[in-house]
């Protein structure tokens, strides 16, 4: 029983990394001292001076929400120096109304749908743990209408199932998430120099009343390009099992637009 519970906890931890936007209030346009320390994981000279910022009116344009492939270099952590590929593709609507699939390396597949308020994450698969996650309600992915310093808070749950047997439910966790539009900065990466909007996301996930996962995630989006840099501080406390404190960063190396296949026209 302990081994089974430990496996479930490890799965829950894996689901958090690089995905979610914990409780926070609206903040100023500059990162806090803690934030500056976290951004250092991206490397020297990556994050430059702040620039003027306006309301985020079209997250789909900011994130370049179209079929394509983004390649990132990991700048810290156990995989420092490696390249990770993220891809985005439009799909036929699923039973939960998702019309986009985002693949993050070999680790995660996310299923996302567009709503009037932006983009929401409904379903995710953590491949290394064969876990299928449904978010109820769907988790905010990118939000329309955020002004600099403005925040939005989300409370919900995550129902986790076996990806091999979706009828087998493993557990339910609670999520509190807040997204803050922190401003605009000059970002220098191997792919170029960009004027990028900084979205700070903090979240807390509680599982079995004995596991607490907290994370601070800074994501930089350049209009017409998408995500150009990301830094995360992940803290896990699992009573009687383990504790961890990890920082990881990644920066854009290249982006490739992929045209969708042309529909085949059959002769009458």
C-alpha atoms as a PDB file:
ATOM      1  CA  UNK A   1       0.000   0.000   0.000  1.00  0.00           C
ATOM      2  CA  UNK A   2       2.827   2.421   0.867  1.00  0.00           C
ATOM      3  CA  UNK A   3       4.537   1.695  -2.436  1.00  0.00           C
ATOM      4  CA  UNK A   4       1.295   2.336  -4.340  1.00  0.00           C
ATOM      5  CA  UNK A   5       0.729   5.614  -2.522  1.00  0.00           C
ATOM      6  CA  UNK A   6       4.307   6.686  -3.132  1.00  0.00           C
ATOM      7  CA  UNK A   7       3.881   6.005  -6.833  1.00  0.00           C
ATOM      8  CA  UNK A   8       0.750   8.147  -6.927  1.00  0.00           C
ATOM      9  CA  UNK A   9       2.526  10.984  -5.142  1.00  0.00           C
ATOM     10  CA  UNK A  10       5.450  10.833  -7.558  1.00  0.00           C
ATOM     11  CA  UNK A  11       2.987  10.954 -10.445  1.00  0.00           C
ATOM     12  CA  UNK A  12       1.335  14.029  -8.963  1.00  0.00           C
ATOM     13  CA  UNK A  13       4.697  15.728  -8.637  1.00  0.00           C
ATOM     14  CA  UNK A  14       5.564  14.949 -12.245  1.00  0.00           C
ATOM     15  CA  UNK A  15       2.314  16.514 -13.455  1.00  0.00           C
ATOM     16  CA  UNK A  16       3.209  19.874 -11.981  1.00  0.00           C
ATOM     17  CA  UNK A  17       6.510  20.573 -13.727  1.00  0.00           C
ATOM     18  CA  UNK A  18       6.309  23.162 -16.448  1.00  0.00           C
ATOM     19  CA  UNK A  19       2.529  23.146 -16.627  1.00  0.00           C
ATOM     20  CA  UNK A  20       0.421  25.129 -14.272  1.00  0.00           C
ATOM     21  CA  UNK A  21      -0.049  28.671 -13.546  1.00  0.00           C
ATOM     22  CA  UNK A  22      -0.884  29.232  -5.762  1.00  0.00           C
ATOM     23  CA  UNK A  23      -2.243  32.110  -4.276  1.00  0.00           C
ATOM     24  CA  UNK A  24      -0.828  35.590  -4.986  1.00  0.00           C
ATOM     25  CA  UNK A  25      -1.922  39.207  -5.068  1.00  0.00           C
ATOM     26  CA  UNK A  26      -1.350  41.667  -7.881  1.00  0.00           C
ATOM     27  CA  UNK A  27       2.280  42.723  -7.945  1.00  0.00           C
ATOM     28  CA  UNK A  28       4.344  45.532  -9.357  1.00  0.00           C
ATOM     29  CA  UNK A  29       5.733  45.482 -12.839  1.00  0.00           C
ATOM     30  CA  UNK A  30       9.208  44.317 -11.697  1.00  0.00           C
ATOM     31  CA  UNK A  31      10.017  40.856 -10.331  1.00  0.00           C
ATOM     32  CA  UNK A  32      10.753  40.679  -6.616  1.00  0.00           C
ATOM     33  CA  UNK A  33      14.290  39.980  -5.360  1.00  0.00           C
ATOM     34  CA  UNK A  34      13.348  36.307  -5.198  1.00  0.00           C
ATOM     35  CA  UNK A  35      12.142  36.562  -8.797  1.00  0.00           C
ATOM     36  CA  UNK A  36      15.414  38.112  -9.939  1.00  0.00           C
ATOM     37  CA  UNK A  37      17.324  35.275  -8.300  1.00  0.00           C
ATOM     38  CA  UNK A  38      15.137  32.755 -10.098  1.00  0.00           C
ATOM     39  CA  UNK A  39      15.609  34.440 -13.478  1.00  0.00           C
ATOM     40  CA  UNK A  40      19.374  33.996 -13.072  1.00  0.00           C
ATOM     41  CA  UNK A  41      18.896  30.326 -13.951  1.00  0.00           C
ATOM     42  CA  UNK A  42      18.370  31.492 -17.550  1.00  0.00           C
ATOM     43  CA  UNK A  43      21.981  32.680 -17.757  1.00  0.00           C
ATOM     44  CA  UNK A  44      23.834  35.997 -17.864  1.00  0.00           C
ATOM     45  CA  UNK A  45      22.422  38.653 -20.155  1.00  0.00           C
ATOM     46  CA  UNK A  46      19.172  36.869 -21.012  1.00  0.00           C
ATOM     47  CA  UNK A  47      16.779  39.160 -19.113  1.00  0.00           C
ATOM     48  CA  UNK A  48      17.310  42.817 -19.923  1.00  0.00           C
ATOM     49  CA  UNK A  49      15.681  46.103 -19.022  1.00  0.00           C
ATOM     50  CA  UNK A  50      11.914  46.519 -18.600  1.00  0.00           C
ATOM     51  CA  UNK A  51       9.910  48.204 -21.342  1.00  0.00           C
ATOM     52  CA  UNK A  52       6.481  49.833 -21.533  1.00  0.00           C
ATOM     53  CA  UNK A  53       3.627  47.361 -21.172  1.00  0.00           C
ATOM     54  CA  UNK A  54       0.003  47.439 -22.293  1.00  0.00           C
ATOM     55  CA  UNK A  55      -3.011  45.179 -21.738  1.00  0.00           C
ATOM     56  CA  UNK A  56      -2.748  41.653 -23.129  1.00  0.00           C
ATOM     57  CA  UNK A  57      -5.520  41.689 -25.725  1.00  0.00           C
ATOM     58  CA  UNK A  58      -4.774  38.585 -27.761  1.00  0.00           C
ATOM     59  CA  UNK A  59      -2.962  35.729 -25.971  1.00  0.00           C
ATOM     60  CA  UNK A  60      -3.265  33.582 -29.088  1.00  0.00           C
ATOM     61  CA  UNK A  61      -1.114  36.076 -30.999  1.00  0.00           C
ATOM     62  CA  UNK A  62       1.295  36.550 -28.086  1.00  0.00           C
ATOM     63  CA  UNK A  63       1.789  32.776 -27.824  1.00  0.00           C
ATOM     64  CA  UNK A  64       1.803  32.274 -31.612  1.00  0.00           C
ATOM     65  CA  UNK A  65      -1.073  29.835 -31.338  1.00  0.00           C
ATOM     66  CA  UNK A  66      -0.602  27.962 -34.583  1.00  0.00           C
ATOM     67  CA  UNK A  67       0.909  24.697 -35.746  1.00  0.00           C
ATOM     68  CA  UNK A  68       4.652  24.773 -35.169  1.00  0.00           C
ATOM     69  CA  UNK A  69       7.706  23.509 -33.327  1.00  0.00           C
ATOM     70  CA  UNK A  70       9.830  25.334 -30.732  1.00  0.00           C
ATOM     71  CA  UNK A  71      13.284  24.156 -29.616  1.00  0.00           C
ATOM     72  CA  UNK A  72      14.652  25.202 -26.205  1.00  0.00           C
ATOM     73  CA  UNK A  73      18.032  24.790 -24.507  1.00  0.00           C
ATOM     74  CA  UNK A  74      17.836  23.772 -20.862  1.00  0.00           C
ATOM     75  CA  UNK A  75      19.981  26.248 -18.888  1.00  0.00           C
ATOM     76  CA  UNK A  76      20.017  24.680 -15.423  1.00  0.00           C
ATOM     77  CA  UNK A  77      19.117  21.542 -13.541  1.00  0.00           C
ATOM     78  CA  UNK A  78      19.972  17.919 -14.210  1.00  0.00           C
ATOM     79  CA  UNK A  79      19.404  18.296 -17.978  1.00  0.00           C
ATOM     80  CA  UNK A  80      21.393  21.504 -18.415  1.00  0.00           C
ATOM     81  CA  UNK A  81      22.656  21.860 -21.990  1.00  0.00           C
ATOM     82  CA  UNK A  82      20.102  19.515 -23.512  1.00  0.00           C
ATOM     83  CA  UNK A  83      17.583  20.634 -26.130  1.00  0.00           C
ATOM     84  CA  UNK A  84      13.857  20.115 -25.551  1.00  0.00           C
ATOM     85  CA  UNK A  85      11.283  20.317 -28.327  1.00  0.00           C
ATOM     86  CA  UNK A  86       7.750  21.634 -27.839  1.00  0.00           C
ATOM     87  CA  UNK A  87       5.185  21.326 -30.606  1.00  0.00           C
ATOM     88  CA  UNK A  88       1.658  22.622 -31.156  1.00  0.00           C
ATOM     89  CA  UNK A  89      -0.930  21.138 -33.497  1.00  0.00           C
ATOM     90  CA  UNK A  90      -4.616  21.647 -34.174  1.00  0.00           C
ATOM     91  CA  UNK A  91      -6.753  18.527 -33.747  1.00  0.00           C
ATOM     92  CA  UNK A  92     -10.363  17.495 -34.221  1.00  0.00           C
ATOM     93  CA  UNK A  93     -12.505  18.464 -31.225  1.00  0.00           C
ATOM     94  CA  UNK A  94     -12.336  15.926 -28.399  1.00  0.00           C
ATOM     95  CA  UNK A  95     -15.203  14.903 -26.113  1.00  0.00           C
ATOM     96  CA  UNK A  96     -14.113  17.710 -23.744  1.00  0.00           C
ATOM     97  CA  UNK A  97     -14.034  20.295 -26.521  1.00  0.00           C
ATOM     98  CA  UNK A  98     -10.255  20.527 -26.856  1.00  0.00           C
ATOM     99  CA  UNK A  99      -9.001  21.497 -30.312  1.00  0.00           C
ATOM    100  CA  UNK A 100      -5.237  21.897 -29.711  1.00  0.00           C
ATOM    101  CA  UNK A 101      -2.503  19.474 -28.644  1.00  0.00           C
ATOM    102  CA  UNK A 102       0.771  20.717 -27.140  1.00  0.00           C
ATOM    103  CA  UNK A 103       3.612  18.231 -26.709  1.00  0.00           C
ATOM    104  CA  UNK A 104       6.462  19.045 -24.310  1.00  0.00           C
ATOM    105  CA  UNK A 105       9.486  16.849 -24.991  1.00  0.00           C
ATOM    106  CA  UNK A 106       8.881  13.220 -24.141  1.00  0.00           C
ATOM    107  CA  UNK A 107       7.208  14.128 -20.859  1.00  0.00           C
ATOM    108  CA  UNK A 108       3.802  15.740 -21.376  1.00  0.00           C
ATOM    109  CA  UNK A 109       0.967  16.082 -23.828  1.00  0.00           C
ATOM    110  CA  UNK A 110      -1.552  18.839 -23.112  1.00  0.00           C
ATOM    111  CA  UNK A 111      -5.012  19.227 -24.627  1.00  0.00           C
ATOM    112  CA  UNK A 112      -6.201  22.833 -24.781  1.00  0.00           C
ATOM    113  CA  UNK A 113      -9.290  24.654 -25.948  1.00  0.00           C
ATOM    114  CA  UNK A 114     -10.004  28.243 -26.878  1.00  0.00           C
ATOM    115  CA  UNK A 115     -12.621  30.175 -24.878  1.00  0.00           C
ATOM    116  CA  UNK A 116     -13.789  33.794 -24.911  1.00  0.00           C
ATOM    117  CA  UNK A 117     -11.403  34.592 -22.030  1.00  0.00           C
ATOM    118  CA  UNK A 118      -8.338  33.072 -23.678  1.00  0.00           C
ATOM    119  CA  UNK A 119      -6.980  29.514 -23.597  1.00  0.00           C
ATOM    120  CA  UNK A 120      -7.696  26.788 -21.028  1.00  0.00           C
ATOM    121  CA  UNK A 121      -6.010  23.459 -20.253  1.00  0.00           C
ATOM    122  CA  UNK A 122      -8.541  20.644 -19.815  1.00  0.00           C
ATOM    123  CA  UNK A 123      -6.504  17.460 -20.029  1.00  0.00           C
ATOM    124  CA  UNK A 124      -2.879  16.424 -19.665  1.00  0.00           C
ATOM    125  CA  UNK A 125      -0.950  13.162 -20.017  1.00  0.00           C
ATOM    126  CA  UNK A 126       2.282  12.579 -18.045  1.00  0.00           C
ATOM    127  CA  UNK A 127       3.895   9.896 -20.177  1.00  0.00           C
ATOM    128  CA  UNK A 128       6.671   8.760 -17.853  1.00  0.00           C
ATOM    129  CA  UNK A 129       4.095   7.924 -15.181  1.00  0.00           C
ATOM    130  CA  UNK A 130       1.300   6.862 -17.560  1.00  0.00           C
ATOM    131  CA  UNK A 131      -1.062   9.316 -15.879  1.00  0.00           C
ATOM    132  CA  UNK A 132      -4.103  11.037 -17.376  1.00  0.00           C
ATOM    133  CA  UNK A 133      -5.265  14.244 -15.668  1.00  0.00           C
ATOM    134  CA  UNK A 134      -8.555  16.096 -16.012  1.00  0.00           C
ATOM    135  CA  UNK A 135      -8.758  19.643 -14.634  1.00  0.00           C
ATOM    136  CA  UNK A 136     -12.142  20.747 -13.265  1.00  0.00           C
ATOM    137  CA  UNK A 137     -12.873  23.428 -14.175  1.00  0.00           C
ATOM    138  CA  UNK A 138     -10.339  23.698 -17.013  1.00  0.00           C
ATOM    139  CA  UNK A 139      -7.211  25.483 -15.851  1.00  0.00           C
ATOM    140  CA  UNK A 140      -6.431  28.942 -17.269  1.00  0.00           C
ATOM    141  CA  UNK A 141      -3.537  28.705 -19.727  1.00  0.00           C
ATOM    142  CA  UNK A 142      -3.447  32.234 -21.141  1.00  0.00           C
ATOM    143  CA  UNK A 143      -5.912  34.965 -20.158  1.00  0.00           C
ATOM    144  CA  UNK A 144      -7.313  37.769 -22.275  1.00  0.00           C
ATOM    145  CA  UNK A 145      -7.488  41.312 -20.917  1.00  0.00           C
ATOM    146  CA  UNK A 146      -4.819  41.300 -18.217  1.00  0.00           C
ATOM    147  CA  UNK A 147      -3.299  44.734 -17.513  1.00  0.00           C
ATOM    148  CA  UNK A 148       0.247  45.090 -16.147  1.00  0.00           C
ATOM    149  CA  UNK A 149       0.234  44.113 -12.460  1.00  0.00           C
ATOM    150  CA  UNK A 150      -3.227  42.530 -12.671  1.00  0.00           C
ATOM    151  CA  UNK A 151      -3.832  39.001 -11.375  1.00  0.00           C
ATOM    152  CA  UNK A 152      -6.494  36.306 -11.688  1.00  0.00           C
ATOM    153  CA  UNK A 153      -6.981  33.476  -9.200  1.00  0.00           C
ATOM    154  CA  UNK A 154      -8.194  29.957  -9.978  1.00  0.00           C
ATOM    155  CA  UNK A 155      -9.448  27.265  -7.586  1.00  0.00           C
ATOM    156  CA  UNK A 156     -10.156  23.784  -8.825  1.00  0.00           C
ATOM    157  CA  UNK A 157      -9.269  20.121  -8.685  1.00  0.00           C
ATOM    158  CA  UNK A 158      -7.273  17.620 -10.695  1.00  0.00           C
ATOM    159  CA  UNK A 159      -8.623  14.099 -11.153  1.00  0.00           C
ATOM    160  CA  UNK A 160      -5.822  11.673 -11.990  1.00  0.00           C
ATOM    161  CA  UNK A 161      -6.407   8.394 -13.849  1.00  0.00           C
ATOM    162  CA  UNK A 162      -4.310   5.650 -15.377  1.00  0.00           C
ATOM    163  CA  UNK A 163      -3.506   6.579 -18.990  1.00  0.00           C
ATOM    164  CA  UNK A 164      -3.569   2.884 -19.883  1.00  0.00           C
ATOM    165  CA  UNK A 165      -6.940   2.359 -18.188  1.00  0.00           C
ATOM    166  CA  UNK A 166      -8.838   5.686 -18.021  1.00  0.00           C
ATOM    167  CA  UNK A 167     -11.570   4.040 -15.929  1.00  0.00           C
ATOM    168  CA  UNK A 168      -9.070   3.550 -13.095  1.00  0.00           C
ATOM    169  CA  UNK A 169      -8.955   6.683 -10.942  1.00  0.00           C
ATOM    170  CA  UNK A 170      -5.852   7.092  -8.784  1.00  0.00           C
ATOM    171  CA  UNK A 171      -6.614  10.210  -6.754  1.00  0.00           C
ATOM    172  CA  UNK A 172      -7.932  13.783  -6.661  1.00  0.00           C
ATOM    173  CA  UNK A 173      -5.843  16.846  -5.803  1.00  0.00           C
ATOM    174  CA  UNK A 174      -6.791  20.460  -5.081  1.00  0.00           C
ATOM    175  CA  UNK A 175      -5.237  23.391  -6.965  1.00  0.00           C
ATOM    176  CA  UNK A 176      -5.048  27.083  -6.206  1.00  0.00           C
ATOM    177  CA  UNK A 177      -3.454  29.027  -9.034  1.00  0.00           C
ATOM    178  CA  UNK A 178      -2.879  32.706  -9.788  1.00  0.00           C
ATOM    179  CA  UNK A 179      -1.630  34.347 -12.955  1.00  0.00           C
ATOM    180  CA  UNK A 180       0.000  37.796 -12.822  1.00  0.00           C
ATOM    181  CA  UNK A 181       0.997  39.897 -15.842  1.00  0.00           C
ATOM    182  CA  UNK A 182       4.331  41.232 -14.581  1.00  0.00           C
ATOM    183  CA  UNK A 183       5.356  43.526 -17.442  1.00  0.00           C
ATOM    184  CA  UNK A 184       7.500  43.539 -20.599  1.00  0.00           C
ATOM    185  CA  UNK A 185      11.259  42.895 -20.809  1.00  0.00           C
ATOM    186  CA  UNK A 186      14.026  42.673 -23.379  1.00  0.00           C
ATOM    187  CA  UNK A 187      15.012  39.010 -23.721  1.00  0.00           C
ATOM    188  CA  UNK A 188      18.165  37.785 -25.484  1.00  0.00           C
ATOM    189  CA  UNK A 189      18.252  34.156 -26.660  1.00  0.00           C
ATOM    190  CA  UNK A 190      20.108  32.105 -29.308  1.00  0.00           C
ATOM    191  CA  UNK A 191      17.019  32.623 -31.510  1.00  0.00           C
ATOM    192  CA  UNK A 192      17.238  36.425 -31.311  1.00  0.00           C
ATOM    193  CA  UNK A 193      16.435  39.439 -29.158  1.00  0.00           C
ATOM    194  CA  UNK A 194      12.778  39.933 -28.272  1.00  0.00           C
ATOM    195  CA  UNK A 195      10.430  42.326 -26.520  1.00  0.00           C
ATOM    196  CA  UNK A 196       8.579  39.808 -24.347  1.00  0.00           C
ATOM    197  CA  UNK A 197       5.609  39.906 -21.977  1.00  0.00           C
ATOM    198  CA  UNK A 198       6.367  38.270 -18.620  1.00  0.00           C
ATOM    199  CA  UNK A 199       3.649  36.116 -17.094  1.00  0.00           C
ATOM    200  CA  UNK A 200       4.254  35.046 -13.486  1.00  0.00           C
ATOM    201  CA  UNK A 201       2.297  32.004 -12.363  1.00  0.00           C
ATOM    202  CA  UNK A 202       2.280  30.634  -8.833  1.00  0.00           C
ATOM    203  CA  UNK A 203       0.439  27.550  -7.765  1.00  0.00           C
ATOM    204  CA  UNK A 204      -0.092  25.194  -4.879  1.00  0.00           C
ATOM    205  CA  UNK A 205      -1.313  21.617  -5.176  1.00  0.00           C
ATOM    206  CA  UNK A 206      -2.357  19.560  -2.159  1.00  0.00           C
ATOM    207  CA  UNK A 207      -2.724  15.787  -2.344  1.00  0.00           C
ATOM    208  CA  UNK A 208      -3.781  13.284   0.340  1.00  0.00           C
ATOM    209  CA  UNK A 209      -3.371  16.083   2.928  1.00  0.00           C
ATOM    210  CA  UNK A 210       0.283  15.024   3.213  1.00  0.00           C
ATOM    211  CA  UNK A 211       1.820  16.308  -0.028  1.00  0.00           C
ATOM    212  CA  UNK A 212       2.264  19.991  -0.864  1.00  0.00           C
ATOM    213  CA  UNK A 213       3.649  21.190  -4.194  1.00  0.00           C
ATOM    214  CA  UNK A 214       4.467  24.884  -4.631  1.00  0.00           C
ATOM    215  CA  UNK A 215       5.915  26.485  -7.697  1.00  0.00           C
ATOM    216  CA  UNK A 216       6.819  29.882  -9.094  1.00  0.00           C
ATOM    217  CA  UNK A 217       6.952  30.011 -12.885  1.00  0.00           C
ATOM    218  CA  UNK A 218       8.120  32.943 -15.029  1.00  0.00           C
ATOM    219  CA  UNK A 219       7.246  32.659 -18.716  1.00  0.00           C
ATOM    220  CA  UNK A 220       8.258  35.192 -21.387  1.00  0.00           C
ATOM    221  CA  UNK A 221       6.128  35.494 -24.543  1.00  0.00           C
ATOM    222  CA  UNK A 222       7.187  37.480 -27.617  1.00  0.00           C
ATOM    223  CA  UNK A 223       4.399  38.471 -29.992  1.00  0.00           C
ATOM    224  CA  UNK A 224       4.519  36.499 -33.209  1.00  0.00           C
ATOM    225  CA  UNK A 225       7.032  34.015 -31.779  1.00  0.00           C
ATOM    226  CA  UNK A 226       5.493  32.493 -28.656  1.00  0.00           C
ATOM    227  CA  UNK A 227       7.369  31.407 -25.539  1.00  0.00           C
ATOM    228  CA  UNK A 228      11.002  32.560 -25.697  1.00  0.00           C
ATOM    229  CA  UNK A 229      12.196  31.812 -22.136  1.00  0.00           C
ATOM    230  CA  UNK A 230      10.963  30.160 -18.944  1.00  0.00           C
ATOM    231  CA  UNK A 231      12.251  29.805 -15.352  1.00  0.00           C
ATOM    232  CA  UNK A 232      10.673  27.686 -12.614  1.00  0.00           C
ATOM    233  CA  UNK A 233      11.256  27.162  -8.891  1.00  0.00           C
ATOM    234  CA  UNK A 234       9.583  23.926  -7.750  1.00  0.00           C
ATOM    235  CA  UNK A 235       9.274  22.956  -4.067  1.00  0.00           C
ATOM    236  CA  UNK A 236       7.822  19.636  -2.927  1.00  0.00           C
ATOM    237  CA  UNK A 237       7.083  18.530   0.643  1.00  0.00           C
ATOM    238  CA  UNK A 238       5.818  14.964   1.044  1.00  0.00           C
ATOM    239  CA  UNK A 239       5.408  14.085   4.711  1.00  0.00           C
ATOM    240  CA  UNK A 240       7.510  11.065   5.631  1.00  0.00           C
ATOM    241  CA  UNK A 241       8.653  10.512   2.024  1.00  0.00           C
ATOM    242  CA  UNK A 242      10.828  13.302   0.654  1.00  0.00           C
ATOM    243  CA  UNK A 243      11.391  17.026   0.186  1.00  0.00           C
ATOM    244  CA  UNK A 244      12.901  18.730  -2.832  1.00  0.00           C
ATOM    245  CA  UNK A 245      13.786  22.221  -4.055  1.00  0.00           C
ATOM    246  CA  UNK A 246      14.566  22.581  -7.764  1.00  0.00           C
ATOM    247  CA  UNK A 247      15.193  25.453 -10.176  1.00  0.00           C
ATOM    248  CA  UNK A 248      15.200  25.028 -13.934  1.00  0.00           C
ATOM    249  CA  UNK A 249      15.336  27.350 -16.934  1.00  0.00           C
ATOM    250  CA  UNK A 250      15.114  27.151 -20.694  1.00  0.00           C
ATOM    251  CA  UNK A 251      15.581  29.593 -23.577  1.00  0.00           C
ATOM    252  CA  UNK A 252      14.487  29.503 -27.208  1.00  0.00           C
ATOM    253  CA  UNK A 253      16.950  28.164 -29.760  1.00  0.00           C
ATOM    254  CA  UNK A 254      14.722  28.096 -32.851  1.00  0.00           C
ATOM    255  CA  UNK A 255      11.134  28.132 -34.062  1.00  0.00           C
ATOM    256  CA  UNK A 256       9.660  26.433 -37.122  1.00  0.00           C
ATOM    257  CA  UNK A 257       6.177  27.066 -38.504  1.00  0.00           C
ATOM    258  CA  UNK A 258       4.524  23.938 -39.842  1.00  0.00           C
ATOM    259  CA  UNK A 259       1.791  24.352 -42.430  1.00  0.00           C
ATOM    260  CA  UNK A 260      -1.180  22.041 -41.901  1.00  0.00           C
ATOM    261  CA  UNK A 261      -1.660  19.397 -44.611  1.00  0.00           C
ATOM    262  CA  UNK A 262      -3.744  20.474 -47.603  1.00  0.00           C
ATOM    263  CA  UNK A 263      -7.035  18.555 -47.695  1.00  0.00           C
ATOM    264  CA  UNK A 264      -7.143  16.033 -50.538  1.00  0.00           C
ATOM    265  CA  UNK A 265      -9.888  16.713 -53.065  1.00  0.00           C
ATOM    266  CA  UNK A 266     -11.426  13.602 -54.541  1.00  0.00           C
ATOM    267  CA  UNK A 267     -12.808  13.614 -58.077  1.00  0.00           C
ATOM    268  CA  UNK A 268     -16.612  13.409 -58.191  1.00  0.00           C
END
